[in-house]
Amino acid sequence: MECQQQQEFESFEHLLNGIDLNNISTPALRDPFEISKQFNNGIKFISARNILYLNVLGEAKKLNVNNTYAIKRVTEILWSRATFEEKRIWCDLAKQVSNFIKSESMFPPNILRVRKFDSN
């Protein structure tokens, strides 16, 4: 058990220190089509945090970090450090992705719910 916790912590530290924040902090440059393809991988709601999570997941893959706990934790930290304006940009991107998915009829209607902007 202790060994697993140590591995989780090391993955978390590696991801947090190695992540390229320029790729994460510019969500306006993200393509709604590319993001929408990721929602077929088990993410149930289109939300600003989930899109941030997908971007952190992409960076984690570049760093060979596969630990879900570490990826979720880094996402939480980045979300809590984000400014109101950055969160608003993520929310707008979530709306764009939702509209794209609706226009393409890629998924059943129940996945198309967009959570309202939450500044927490």
PDB file of N, CA and C in Angstrom:
ATOM      1  N   MET A   1       0.825  -1.192   0.000  1.00  0.00           N
ATOM      2  CA  MET A   1       0.000   0.000   0.000  1.00  0.00           C
ATOM      3  C   MET A   1       0.870   1.258   0.000  1.00  0.00           C
ATOM      4  N   GLU A   2       1.901   1.252   0.835  1.00  0.00           N
ATOM      5  CA  GLU A   2       2.800   2.403   0.900  1.00  0.00           C
ATOM      6  C   GLU A   2       3.526   2.618  -0.424  1.00  0.00           C
ATOM      7  N   CYS A   3       3.896   1.517  -1.069  1.00  0.00           N
ATOM      8  CA  CYS A   3       4.593   1.605  -2.353  1.00  0.00           C
ATOM      9  C   CYS A   3       3.688   2.250  -3.411  1.00  0.00           C
ATOM     10  N   GLN A   4       2.406   1.876  -3.398  1.00  0.00           N
ATOM     11  CA  GLN A   4       1.459   2.451  -4.350  1.00  0.00           C
ATOM     12  C   GLN A   4       1.289   3.947  -4.104  1.00  0.00           C
ATOM     13  N   GLN A   5       1.202   4.345  -2.848  1.00  0.00           N
ATOM     14  CA  GLN A   5       1.073   5.763  -2.523  1.00  0.00           C
ATOM     15  C   GLN A   5       2.311   6.535  -2.957  1.00  0.00           C
ATOM     16  N   GLN A   6       3.474   5.933  -2.789  1.00  0.00           N
ATOM     17  CA  GLN A   6       4.719   6.570  -3.206  1.00  0.00           C
ATOM     18  C   GLN A   6       4.741   6.764  -4.722  1.00  0.00           C
ATOM     19  N   GLN A   7       4.284   5.743  -5.463  1.00  0.00           N
ATOM     20  CA  GLN A   7       4.237   5.844  -6.922  1.00  0.00           C
ATOM     21  C   GLN A   7       3.253   6.924  -7.369  1.00  0.00           C
ATOM     22  N   GLU A   8       2.097   7.003  -6.692  1.00  0.00           N
ATOM     23  CA  GLU A   8       1.117   8.036  -7.015  1.00  0.00           C
ATOM     24  C   GLU A   8       1.704   9.424  -6.784  1.00  0.00           C
ATOM     25  N   PHE A   9       2.409   9.580  -5.671  1.00  0.00           N
ATOM     26  CA  PHE A   9       3.006  10.873  -5.354  1.00  0.00           C
ATOM     27  C   PHE A   9       4.078  11.240  -6.374  1.00  0.00           C
ATOM     28  N   GLU A  10       4.911  10.271  -6.753  1.00  0.00           N
ATOM     29  CA  GLU A  10       5.957  10.534  -7.738  1.00  0.00           C
ATOM     30  C   GLU A  10       5.355  10.900  -9.099  1.00  0.00           C
ATOM     31  N   SER A  11       4.283  10.212  -9.490  1.00  0.00           N
ATOM     32  CA  SER A  11       3.601  10.541 -10.748  1.00  0.00           C
ATOM     33  C   SER A  11       3.028  11.947 -10.686  1.00  0.00           C
ATOM     34  N   PHE A  12       2.430  12.276  -9.552  1.00  0.00           N
ATOM     35  CA  PHE A  12       1.848  13.599  -9.347  1.00  0.00           C
ATOM     36  C   PHE A  12       2.921  14.678  -9.447  1.00  0.00           C
ATOM     37  N   GLU A  13       4.033  14.493  -8.747  1.00  0.00           N
ATOM     38  CA  GLU A  13       5.130  15.470  -8.767  1.00  0.00           C
ATOM     39  C   GLU A  13       5.715  15.609 -10.175  1.00  0.00           C
ATOM     40  N   HIS A  14       5.910  14.480 -10.842  1.00  0.00           N
ATOM     41  CA  HIS A  14       6.473  14.500 -12.194  1.00  0.00           C
ATOM     42  C   HIS A  14       5.555  15.267 -13.146  1.00  0.00           C
ATOM     43  N   LEU A  15       4.251  15.013 -13.054  1.00  0.00           N
ATOM     44  CA  LEU A  15       3.297  15.687 -13.930  1.00  0.00           C
ATOM     45  C   LEU A  15       3.199  17.170 -13.603  1.00  0.00           C
ATOM     46  N   LEU A  16       3.104  17.499 -12.324  1.00  0.00           N
ATOM     47  CA  LEU A  16       2.956  18.899 -11.925  1.00  0.00           C
ATOM     48  C   LEU A  16       4.181  19.720 -12.313  1.00  0.00           C
ATOM     49  N   ASN A  17       5.363  19.141 -12.171  1.00  0.00           N
ATOM     50  CA  ASN A  17       6.595  19.867 -12.494  1.00  0.00           C
ATOM     51  C   ASN A  17       6.922  19.849 -13.989  1.00  0.00           C
ATOM     52  N   GLY A  18       6.457  18.829 -14.700  1.00  0.00           N
ATOM     53  CA  GLY A  18       6.836  18.685 -16.097  1.00  0.00           C
ATOM     54  C   GLY A  18       5.818  19.188 -17.096  1.00  0.00           C
ATOM     55  N   ILE A  19       4.645  19.553 -16.614  1.00  0.00           N
ATOM     56  CA  ILE A  19       3.568  19.942 -17.526  1.00  0.00           C
ATOM     57  C   ILE A  19       3.895  21.284 -18.194  1.00  0.00           C
ATOM     58  N   ASP A  20       3.566  21.385 -19.464  1.00  0.00           N
ATOM     59  CA  ASP A  20       3.777  22.626 -20.208  1.00  0.00           C
ATOM     60  C   ASP A  20       2.524  23.486 -20.066  1.00  0.00           C
ATOM     61  N   LEU A  21       2.591  24.469 -19.196  1.00  0.00           N
ATOM     62  CA  LEU A  21       1.419  25.296 -18.910  1.00  0.00           C
ATOM     63  C   LEU A  21       0.971  26.119 -20.113  1.00  0.00           C
ATOM     64  N   ASN A  22       1.858  26.357 -21.057  1.00  0.00           N
ATOM     65  CA  ASN A  22       1.457  27.087 -22.265  1.00  0.00           C
ATOM     66  C   ASN A  22       0.434  26.297 -23.074  1.00  0.00           C
ATOM     67  N   ASN A  23       0.552  24.970 -23.049  1.00  0.00           N
ATOM     68  CA  ASN A  23      -0.418  24.137 -23.759  1.00  0.00           C
ATOM     69  C   ASN A  23      -1.732  24.022 -22.997  1.00  0.00           C
ATOM     70  N   ILE A  24      -1.698  24.258 -21.714  1.00  0.00           N
ATOM     71  CA  ILE A  24      -2.893  24.135 -20.883  1.00  0.00           C
ATOM     72  C   ILE A  24      -3.622  25.464 -20.776  1.00  0.00           C
ATOM     73  N   SER A  25      -2.888  26.540 -20.647  1.00  0.00           N
ATOM     74  CA  SER A  25      -3.504  27.826 -20.322  1.00  0.00           C
ATOM     75  C   SER A  25      -4.030  28.587 -21.534  1.00  0.00           C
ATOM     76  N   THR A  26      -3.986  27.997 -22.711  1.00  0.00           N
ATOM     77  CA  THR A  26      -4.507  28.669 -23.902  1.00  0.00           C
ATOM     78  C   THR A  26      -5.653  27.864 -24.508  1.00  0.00           C
ATOM     79  N   PRO A  27      -6.735  27.682 -23.751  1.00  0.00           N
ATOM     80  CA  PRO A  27      -7.815  26.847 -24.268  1.00  0.00           C
ATOM     81  C   PRO A  27      -8.512  27.429 -25.487  1.00  0.00           C
ATOM     82  N   ALA A  28      -8.394  28.730 -25.706  1.00  0.00           N
ATOM     83  CA  ALA A  28      -9.045  29.329 -26.873  1.00  0.00           C
ATOM     84  C   ALA A  28      -8.450  28.781 -28.171  1.00  0.00           C
ATOM     85  N   LEU A  29      -7.262  28.207 -28.100  1.00  0.00           N
ATOM     86  CA  LEU A  29      -6.619  27.654 -29.285  1.00  0.00           C
ATOM     87  C   LEU A  29      -7.025  26.207 -29.547  1.00  0.00           C
ATOM     88  N   ARG A  30      -7.838  25.636 -28.675  1.00  0.00           N
ATOM     89  CA  ARG A  30      -8.229  24.235 -28.825  1.00  0.00           C
ATOM     90  C   ARG A  30      -9.329  24.090 -29.868  1.00  0.00           C
ATOM     91  N   ASP A  31      -9.287  23.007 -30.589  1.00  0.00           N
ATOM     92  CA  ASP A  31     -10.247  22.730 -31.651  1.00  0.00           C
ATOM     93  C   ASP A  31     -11.436  21.947 -31.087  1.00  0.00           C
ATOM     94  N   PRO A  32     -12.663  22.482 -31.183  1.00  0.00           N
ATOM     95  CA  PRO A  32     -13.830  21.766 -30.654  1.00  0.00           C
ATOM     96  C   PRO A  32     -13.998  20.361 -31.229  1.00  0.00           C
ATOM     97  N   PHE A  33     -13.639  20.159 -32.503  1.00  0.00           N
ATOM     98  CA  PHE A  33     -13.758  18.828 -33.095  1.00  0.00           C
ATOM     99  C   PHE A  33     -12.837  17.837 -32.398  1.00  0.00           C
ATOM    100  N   GLU A  34     -11.594  18.227 -32.187  1.00  0.00           N
ATOM    101  CA  GLU A  34     -10.639  17.339 -31.519  1.00  0.00           C
ATOM    102  C   GLU A  34     -11.084  17.029 -30.093  1.00  0.00           C
ATOM    103  N   ILE A  35     -11.582  18.037 -29.405  1.00  0.00           N
ATOM    104  CA  ILE A  35     -12.044  17.824 -28.035  1.00  0.00           C
ATOM    105  C   ILE A  35     -13.263  16.915 -28.021  1.00  0.00           C
ATOM    106  N   SER A  36     -14.183  17.115 -28.952  1.00  0.00           N
ATOM    107  CA  SER A  36     -15.412  16.319 -28.961  1.00  0.00           C
ATOM    108  C   SER A  36     -15.126  14.839 -29.163  1.00  0.00           C
ATOM    109  N   LYS A  37     -14.072  14.503 -29.891  1.00  0.00           N
ATOM    110  CA  LYS A  37     -13.725  13.093 -30.079  1.00  0.00           C
ATOM    111  C   LYS A  37     -13.368  12.438 -28.748  1.00  0.00           C
ATOM    112  N   GLN A  38     -12.816  13.205 -27.823  1.00  0.00           N
ATOM    113  CA  GLN A  38     -12.404  12.659 -26.535  1.00  0.00           C
ATOM    114  C   GLN A  38     -13.590  12.305 -25.640  1.00  0.00           C
ATOM    115  N   PHE A  39     -14.748  12.899 -25.887  1.00  0.00           N
ATOM    116  CA  PHE A  39     -15.896  12.633 -25.033  1.00  0.00           C
ATOM    117  C   PHE A  39     -16.463  11.244 -25.257  1.00  0.00           C
ATOM    118  N   ASN A  40     -15.974  10.548 -26.254  1.00  0.00           N
ATOM    119  CA  ASN A  40     -16.369   9.165 -26.468  1.00  0.00           C
ATOM    120  C   ASN A  40     -15.601   8.237 -25.537  1.00  0.00           C
ATOM    121  N   ASN A  41     -14.664   8.770 -24.779  1.00  0.00           N
ATOM    122  CA  ASN A  41     -13.807   7.966 -23.911  1.00  0.00           C
ATOM    123  C   ASN A  41     -14.270   7.959 -22.466  1.00  0.00           C
ATOM    124  N   GLY A  42     -15.547   8.136 -22.220  1.00  0.00           N
ATOM    125  CA  GLY A  42     -16.076   7.958 -20.879  1.00  0.00           C
ATOM    126  C   GLY A  42     -16.380   9.209 -20.092  1.00  0.00           C
ATOM    127  N   ILE A  43     -16.104  10.372 -20.610  1.00  0.00           N
ATOM    128  CA  ILE A  43     -16.458  11.591 -19.891  1.00  0.00           C
ATOM    129  C   ILE A  43     -17.936  11.850 -20.144  1.00  0.00           C
ATOM    130  N   LYS A  44     -18.687  11.979 -19.061  1.00  0.00           N
ATOM    131  CA  LYS A  44     -20.136  12.020 -19.189  1.00  0.00           C
ATOM    132  C   LYS A  44     -20.710  13.417 -19.396  1.00  0.00           C
ATOM    133  N   PHE A  45     -20.045  14.446 -18.924  1.00  0.00           N
ATOM    134  CA  PHE A  45     -20.570  15.798 -19.045  1.00  0.00           C
ATOM    135  C   PHE A  45     -19.550  16.699 -19.725  1.00  0.00           C
ATOM    136  N   ILE A  46     -20.044  17.604 -20.499  1.00  0.00           N
ATOM    137  CA  ILE A  46     -19.185  18.605 -21.106  1.00  0.00           C
ATOM    138  C   ILE A  46     -19.125  19.763 -20.120  1.00  0.00           C
ATOM    139  N   SER A  47     -17.987  19.924 -19.503  1.00  0.00           N
ATOM    140  CA  SER A  47     -17.812  21.024 -18.557  1.00  0.00           C
ATOM    141  C   SER A  47     -16.437  21.627 -18.767  1.00  0.00           C
ATOM    142  N   ALA A  48     -16.267  22.814 -18.252  1.00  0.00           N
ATOM    143  CA  ALA A  48     -14.971  23.480 -18.373  1.00  0.00           C
ATOM    144  C   ALA A  48     -13.881  22.643 -17.713  1.00  0.00           C
ATOM    145  N   ARG A  49     -14.176  22.088 -16.549  1.00  0.00           N
ATOM    146  CA  ARG A  49     -13.175  21.262 -15.856  1.00  0.00           C
ATOM    147  C   ARG A  49     -12.839  20.006 -16.636  1.00  0.00           C
ATOM    148  N   ASN A  50     -13.833  19.394 -17.275  1.00  0.00           N
ATOM    149  CA  ASN A  50     -13.556  18.187 -18.049  1.00  0.00           C
ATOM    150  C   ASN A  50     -12.685  18.483 -19.264  1.00  0.00           C
ATOM    151  N   ILE A  51     -12.877  19.631 -19.868  1.00  0.00           N
ATOM    152  CA  ILE A  51     -12.018  19.992 -20.999  1.00  0.00           C
ATOM    153  C   ILE A  51     -10.606  20.286 -20.506  1.00  0.00           C
ATOM    154  N   LEU A  52     -10.488  20.931 -19.363  1.00  0.00           N
ATOM    155  CA  LEU A  52      -9.169  21.124 -18.756  1.00  0.00           C
ATOM    156  C   LEU A  52      -8.539  19.768 -18.453  1.00  0.00           C
ATOM    157  N   TYR A  53      -9.335  18.843 -17.915  1.00  0.00           N
ATOM    158  CA  TYR A  53      -8.846  17.488 -17.624  1.00  0.00           C
ATOM    159  C   TYR A  53      -8.302  16.824 -18.893  1.00  0.00           C
ATOM    160  N   LEU A  54      -9.014  16.957 -20.007  1.00  0.00           N
ATOM    161  CA  LEU A  54      -8.547  16.361 -21.256  1.00  0.00           C
ATOM    162  C   LEU A  54      -7.217  16.953 -21.699  1.00  0.00           C
ATOM    163  N   ASN A  55      -7.036  18.244 -21.480  1.00  0.00           N
ATOM    164  CA  ASN A  55      -5.765  18.871 -21.838  1.00  0.00           C
ATOM    165  C   ASN A  55      -4.641  18.409 -20.918  1.00  0.00           C
ATOM    166  N   VAL A  56      -4.940  18.259 -19.635  1.00  0.00           N
ATOM    167  CA  VAL A  56      -3.938  17.732 -18.699  1.00  0.00           C
ATOM    168  C   VAL A  56      -3.620  16.286 -19.065  1.00  0.00           C
ATOM    169  N   LEU A  57      -4.641  15.520 -19.439  1.00  0.00           N
ATOM    170  CA  LEU A  57      -4.435  14.135 -19.854  1.00  0.00           C
ATOM    171  C   LEU A  57      -3.502  14.058 -21.060  1.00  0.00           C
ATOM    172  N   GLY A  58      -3.692  14.959 -22.017  1.00  0.00           N
ATOM    173  CA  GLY A  58      -2.810  14.993 -23.184  1.00  0.00           C
ATOM    174  C   GLY A  58      -1.372  15.290 -22.809  1.00  0.00           C
ATOM    175  N   GLU A  59      -1.184  16.227 -21.891  1.00  0.00           N
ATOM    176  CA  GLU A  59       0.171  16.544 -21.426  1.00  0.00           C
ATOM    177  C   GLU A  59       0.752  15.375 -20.633  1.00  0.00           C
ATOM    178  N   ALA A  60      -0.095  14.693 -19.864  1.00  0.00           N
ATOM    179  CA  ALA A  60       0.374  13.546 -19.078  1.00  0.00           C
ATOM    180  C   ALA A  60       0.871  12.435 -19.997  1.00  0.00           C
ATOM    181  N   LYS A  61       0.174  12.221 -21.094  1.00  0.00           N
ATOM    182  CA  LYS A  61       0.604  11.194 -22.047  1.00  0.00           C
ATOM    183  C   LYS A  61       1.975  11.533 -22.623  1.00  0.00           C
ATOM    184  N   LYS A  62       2.216  12.822 -22.882  1.00  0.00           N
ATOM    185  CA  LYS A  62       3.534  13.235 -23.388  1.00  0.00           C
ATOM    186  C   LYS A  62       4.633  12.935 -22.379  1.00  0.00           C
ATOM    187  N   LEU A  63       4.276  12.992 -21.076  1.00  0.00           N
ATOM    188  CA  LEU A  63       5.249  12.748 -20.009  1.00  0.00           C
ATOM    189  C   LEU A  63       5.232  11.301 -19.530  1.00  0.00           C
ATOM    190  N   ASN A  64       4.450  10.444 -20.198  1.00  0.00           N
ATOM    191  CA  ASN A  64       4.299   9.035 -19.819  1.00  0.00           C
ATOM    192  C   ASN A  64       3.776   8.853 -18.399  1.00  0.00           C
ATOM    193  N   VAL A  65       2.849   9.701 -17.995  1.00  0.00           N
ATOM    194  CA  VAL A  65       2.192   9.567 -16.694  1.00  0.00           C
ATOM    195  C   VAL A  65       0.809   8.992 -16.956  1.00  0.00           C
ATOM    196  N   ASN A  66       0.556   7.798 -16.408  1.00  0.00           N
ATOM    197  CA  ASN A  66      -0.722   7.124 -16.625  1.00  0.00           C
ATOM    198  C   ASN A  66      -1.557   7.042 -15.361  1.00  0.00           C
ATOM    199  N   ASN A  67      -1.114   7.677 -14.313  1.00  0.00           N
ATOM    200  CA  ASN A  67      -1.782   7.592 -13.025  1.00  0.00           C
ATOM    201  C   ASN A  67      -2.985   8.534 -12.999  1.00  0.00           C
ATOM    202  N   THR A  68      -4.179   7.965 -12.942  1.00  0.00           N
ATOM    203  CA  THR A  68      -5.409   8.757 -12.969  1.00  0.00           C
ATOM    204  C   THR A  68      -5.491   9.704 -11.785  1.00  0.00           C
ATOM    205  N   TYR A  69      -5.070   9.233 -10.617  1.00  0.00           N
ATOM    206  CA  TYR A  69      -5.097  10.089  -9.427  1.00  0.00           C
ATOM    207  C   TYR A  69      -4.256  11.346  -9.658  1.00  0.00           C
ATOM    208  N   ALA A  70      -3.064  11.168 -10.179  1.00  0.00           N
ATOM    209  CA  ALA A  70      -2.166  12.304 -10.411  1.00  0.00           C
ATOM    210  C   ALA A  70      -2.768  13.276 -11.426  1.00  0.00           C
ATOM    211  N   ILE A  71      -3.363  12.746 -12.474  1.00  0.00           N
ATOM    212  CA  ILE A  71      -3.948  13.594 -13.512  1.00  0.00           C
ATOM    213  C   ILE A  71      -5.120  14.394 -12.951  1.00  0.00           C
ATOM    214  N   LYS A  72      -5.976  13.732 -12.187  1.00  0.00           N
ATOM    215  CA  LYS A  72      -7.118  14.434 -11.584  1.00  0.00           C
ATOM    216  C   LYS A  72      -6.654  15.485 -10.590  1.00  0.00           C
ATOM    217  N   ARG A  73      -5.663  15.150  -9.796  1.00  0.00           N
ATOM    218  CA  ARG A  73      -5.173  16.083  -8.777  1.00  0.00           C
ATOM    219  C   ARG A  73      -4.539  17.320  -9.424  1.00  0.00           C
ATOM    220  N   VAL A  74      -3.736  17.115 -10.454  1.00  0.00           N
ATOM    221  CA  VAL A  74      -3.123  18.249 -11.156  1.00  0.00           C
ATOM    222  C   VAL A  74      -4.211  19.113 -11.797  1.00  0.00           C
ATOM    223  N   THR A  75      -5.241  18.480 -12.354  1.00  0.00           N
ATOM    224  CA  THR A  75      -6.361  19.238 -12.922  1.00  0.00           C
ATOM    225  C   THR A  75      -7.020  20.103 -11.860  1.00  0.00           C
ATOM    226  N   GLU A  76      -7.248  19.535 -10.673  1.00  0.00           N
ATOM    227  CA  GLU A  76      -7.855  20.296  -9.575  1.00  0.00           C
ATOM    228  C   GLU A  76      -6.991  21.490  -9.179  1.00  0.00           C
ATOM    229  N   ILE A  77      -5.695  21.278  -9.111  1.00  0.00           N
ATOM    230  CA  ILE A  77      -4.783  22.362  -8.731  1.00  0.00           C
ATOM    231  C   ILE A  77      -4.801  23.468  -9.787  1.00  0.00           C
ATOM    232  N   LEU A  78      -4.716  23.088 -11.049  1.00  0.00           N
ATOM    233  CA  LEU A  78      -4.732  24.090 -12.116  1.00  0.00           C
ATOM    234  C   LEU A  78      -6.054  24.847 -12.142  1.00  0.00           C
ATOM    235  N   TRP A  79      -7.159  24.148 -11.886  1.00  0.00           N
ATOM    236  CA  TRP A  79      -8.463  24.816 -11.859  1.00  0.00           C
ATOM    237  C   TRP A  79      -8.530  25.811 -10.705  1.00  0.00           C
ATOM    238  N   SER A  80      -8.025  25.408  -9.548  1.00  0.00           N
ATOM    239  CA  SER A  80      -8.096  26.301  -8.384  1.00  0.00           C
ATOM    240  C   SER A  80      -7.187  27.518  -8.550  1.00  0.00           C
ATOM    241  N   ARG A  81      -6.121  27.389  -9.316  1.00  0.00           N
ATOM    242  CA  ARG A  81      -5.201  28.509  -9.546  1.00  0.00           C
ATOM    243  C   ARG A  81      -5.649  29.417 -10.691  1.00  0.00           C
ATOM    244  N   ALA A  82      -6.581  28.951 -11.495  1.00  0.00           N
ATOM    245  CA  ALA A  82      -7.013  29.725 -12.665  1.00  0.00           C
ATOM    246  C   ALA A  82      -7.777  30.970 -12.237  1.00  0.00           C
ATOM    247  N   THR A  83      -7.612  32.014 -13.014  1.00  0.00           N
ATOM    248  CA  THR A  83      -8.344  33.252 -12.749  1.00  0.00           C
ATOM    249  C   THR A  83      -9.783  33.098 -13.236  1.00  0.00           C
ATOM    250  N   PHE A  84     -10.615  34.031 -12.824  1.00  0.00           N
ATOM    251  CA  PHE A  84     -12.007  34.015 -13.266  1.00  0.00           C
ATOM    252  C   PHE A  84     -12.086  34.085 -14.787  1.00  0.00           C
ATOM    253  N   GLU A  85     -11.260  34.913 -15.385  1.00  0.00           N
ATOM    254  CA  GLU A  85     -11.274  35.076 -16.841  1.00  0.00           C
ATOM    255  C   GLU A  85     -10.854  33.783 -17.541  1.00  0.00           C
ATOM    256  N   GLU A  86      -9.848  33.090 -17.005  1.00  0.00           N
ATOM    257  CA  GLU A  86      -9.434  31.811 -17.595  1.00  0.00           C
ATOM    258  C   GLU A  86     -10.562  30.788 -17.504  1.00  0.00           C
ATOM    259  N   LYS A  87     -11.240  30.773 -16.375  1.00  0.00           N
ATOM    260  CA  LYS A  87     -12.360  29.841 -16.218  1.00  0.00           C
ATOM    261  C   LYS A  87     -13.488  30.178 -17.184  1.00  0.00           C
ATOM    262  N   ARG A  88     -13.704  31.444 -17.419  1.00  0.00           N
ATOM    263  CA  ARG A  88     -14.732  31.873 -18.373  1.00  0.00           C
ATOM    264  C   ARG A  88     -14.371  31.386 -19.780  1.00  0.00           C
ATOM    265  N   ILE A  89     -13.104  31.441 -20.142  1.00  0.00           N
ATOM    266  CA  ILE A  89     -12.660  30.954 -21.452  1.00  0.00           C
ATOM    267  C   ILE A  89     -12.916  29.458 -21.571  1.00  0.00           C
ATOM    268  N   TRP A  90     -12.602  28.715 -20.508  1.00  0.00           N
ATOM    269  CA  TRP A  90     -12.851  27.269 -20.520  1.00  0.00           C
ATOM    270  C   TRP A  90     -14.343  26.984 -20.668  1.00  0.00           C
ATOM    271  N   CYS A  91     -15.163  27.776 -19.995  1.00  0.00           N
ATOM    272  CA  CYS A  91     -16.618  27.603 -20.081  1.00  0.00           C
ATOM    273  C   CYS A  91     -17.105  27.867 -21.503  1.00  0.00           C
ATOM    274  N   ASP A  92     -16.600  28.911 -22.120  1.00  0.00           N
ATOM    275  CA  ASP A  92     -16.977  29.218 -23.506  1.00  0.00           C
ATOM    276  C   ASP A  92     -16.568  28.095 -24.448  1.00  0.00           C
ATOM    277  N   LEU A  93     -15.400  27.516 -24.206  1.00  0.00           N
ATOM    278  CA  LEU A  93     -14.951  26.402 -25.029  1.00  0.00           C
ATOM    279  C   LEU A  93     -15.865  25.191 -24.835  1.00  0.00           C
ATOM    280  N   ALA A  94     -16.304  24.950 -23.609  1.00  0.00           N
ATOM    281  CA  ALA A  94     -17.241  23.848 -23.351  1.00  0.00           C
ATOM    282  C   ALA A  94     -18.530  24.054 -24.143  1.00  0.00           C
ATOM    283  N   LYS A  95     -18.998  25.289 -24.214  1.00  0.00           N
ATOM    284  CA  LYS A  95     -20.209  25.583 -24.991  1.00  0.00           C
ATOM    285  C   LYS A  95     -19.972  25.343 -26.482  1.00  0.00           C
ATOM    286  N   GLN A  96     -18.799  25.723 -26.972  1.00  0.00           N
ATOM    287  CA  GLN A  96     -18.471  25.497 -28.383  1.00  0.00           C
ATOM    288  C   GLN A  96     -18.451  24.006 -28.696  1.00  0.00           C
ATOM    289  N   VAL A  97     -17.853  23.229 -27.798  1.00  0.00           N
ATOM    290  CA  VAL A  97     -17.789  21.778 -27.996  1.00  0.00           C
ATOM    291  C   VAL A  97     -19.196  21.195 -27.998  1.00  0.00           C
ATOM    292  N   SER A  98     -20.021  21.628 -27.054  1.00  0.00           N
ATOM    293  CA  SER A  98     -21.397  21.141 -26.994  1.00  0.00           C
ATOM    294  C   SER A  98     -22.154  21.468 -28.274  1.00  0.00           C
ATOM    295  N   ASN A  99     -22.014  22.691 -28.751  1.00  0.00           N
ATOM    296  CA  ASN A  99     -22.691  23.088 -29.992  1.00  0.00           C
ATOM    297  C   ASN A  99     -22.185  22.288 -31.184  1.00  0.00           C
ATOM    298  N   PHE A 100     -20.884  22.023 -31.211  1.00  0.00           N
ATOM    299  CA  PHE A 100     -20.323  21.229 -32.302  1.00  0.00           C
ATOM    300  C   PHE A 100     -20.892  19.818 -32.274  1.00  0.00           C
ATOM    301  N   ILE A 101     -20.929  19.221 -31.090  1.00  0.00           N
ATOM    302  CA  ILE A 101     -21.443  17.857 -30.967  1.00  0.00           C
ATOM    303  C   ILE A 101     -22.915  17.809 -31.372  1.00  0.00           C
ATOM    304  N   LYS A 102     -23.686  18.796 -30.938  1.00  0.00           N
ATOM    305  CA  LYS A 102     -25.104  18.839 -31.311  1.00  0.00           C
ATOM    306  C   LYS A 102     -25.264  18.955 -32.821  1.00  0.00           C
ATOM    307  N   SER A 103     -24.445  19.782 -33.437  1.00  0.00           N
ATOM    308  CA  SER A 103     -24.571  19.987 -34.883  1.00  0.00           C
ATOM    309  C   SER A 103     -24.164  18.751 -35.671  1.00  0.00           C
ATOM    310  N   GLU A 104     -23.263  17.972 -35.117  1.00  0.00           N
ATOM    311  CA  GLU A 104     -22.788  16.769 -35.803  1.00  0.00           C
ATOM    312  C   GLU A 104     -23.580  15.528 -35.400  1.00  0.00           C
ATOM    313  N   SER A 105     -24.433  15.651 -34.387  1.00  0.00           N
ATOM    314  CA  SER A 105     -25.206  14.512 -33.860  1.00  0.00           C
ATOM    315  C   SER A 105     -24.309  13.316 -33.584  1.00  0.00           C
ATOM    316  N   MET A 106     -23.191  13.585 -32.915  1.00  0.00           N
ATOM    317  CA  MET A 106     -22.210  12.541 -32.654  1.00  0.00           C
ATOM    318  C   MET A 106     -22.595  11.648 -31.484  1.00  0.00           C
ATOM    319  N   PHE A 107     -23.391  12.159 -30.561  1.00  0.00           N
ATOM    320  CA  PHE A 107     -23.686  11.434 -29.344  1.00  0.00           C
ATOM    321  C   PHE A 107     -25.165  11.535 -29.023  1.00  0.00           C
ATOM    322  N   PRO A 108     -25.669  10.652 -28.178  1.00  0.00           N
ATOM    323  CA  PRO A 108     -27.062  10.769 -27.751  1.00  0.00           C
ATOM    324  C   PRO A 108     -27.275  12.049 -26.948  1.00  0.00           C
ATOM    325  N   PRO A 109     -28.499  12.558 -26.908  1.00  0.00           N
ATOM    326  CA  PRO A 109     -28.778  13.851 -26.263  1.00  0.00           C
ATOM    327  C   PRO A 109     -28.372  13.941 -24.798  1.00  0.00           C
ATOM    328  N   ASN A 110     -28.350  12.823 -24.062  1.00  0.00           N
ATOM    329  CA  ASN A 110     -28.043  12.923 -22.632  1.00  0.00           C
ATOM    330  C   ASN A 110     -26.609  13.347 -22.353  1.00  0.00           C
ATOM    331  N   ILE A 111     -25.708  13.207 -23.302  1.00  0.00           N
ATOM    332  CA  ILE A 111     -24.323  13.631 -23.066  1.00  0.00           C
ATOM    333  C   ILE A 111     -24.141  15.116 -23.372  1.00  0.00           C
ATOM    334  N   LEU A 112     -25.123  15.718 -23.966  1.00  0.00           N
ATOM    335  CA  LEU A 112     -24.974  17.081 -24.443  1.00  0.00           C
ATOM    336  C   LEU A 112     -25.281  18.139 -23.395  1.00  0.00           C
ATOM    337  N   ARG A 113     -25.476  17.730 -22.178  1.00  0.00           N
ATOM    338  CA  ARG A 113     -25.733  18.705 -21.123  1.00  0.00           C
ATOM    339  C   ARG A 113     -24.444  19.423 -20.772  1.00  0.00           C
ATOM    340  N   VAL A 114     -24.487  20.715 -20.764  1.00  0.00           N
ATOM    341  CA  VAL A 114     -23.328  21.520 -20.384  1.00  0.00           C
ATOM    342  C   VAL A 114     -23.588  22.056 -18.993  1.00  0.00           C
ATOM    343  N   ARG A 115     -22.662  21.814 -18.111  1.00  0.00           N
ATOM    344  CA  ARG A 115     -22.808  22.337 -16.762  1.00  0.00           C
ATOM    345  C   ARG A 115     -22.613  23.837 -16.773  1.00  0.00           C
ATOM    346  N   LYS A 116     -23.382  24.516 -15.947  1.00  0.00           N
ATOM    347  CA  LYS A 116     -23.261  25.967 -15.858  1.00  0.00           C
ATOM    348  C   LYS A 116     -21.908  26.334 -15.279  1.00  0.00           C
ATOM    349  N   PHE A 117     -21.453  27.512 -15.620  1.00  0.00           N
ATOM    350  CA  PHE A 117     -20.151  27.986 -15.159  1.00  0.00           C
ATOM    351  C   PHE A 117     -20.127  28.056 -13.648  1.00  0.00           C
ATOM    352  N   ASP A 118     -19.092  27.467 -13.084  1.00  0.00           N
ATOM    353  CA  ASP A 118     -18.907  27.457 -11.641  1.00  0.00           C
ATOM    354  C   ASP A 118     -17.538  28.045 -11.366  1.00  0.00           C
ATOM    355  N   SER A 119     -17.485  29.137 -10.663  1.00  0.00           N
ATOM    356  CA  SER A 119     -16.204  29.821 -10.444  1.00  0.00           C
ATOM    357  C   SER A 119     -15.384  29.189  -9.333  1.00  0.00           C
ATOM    358  N   ASN A 120     -15.890  28.137  -8.694  1.00  0.00           N
ATOM    359  CA  ASN A 120     -15.131  27.498  -7.599  1.00  0.00           C
ATOM    360  C   ASN A 120     -13.950  26.742  -8.119  1.00  0.00           C
TER     361      ASN A 120
END
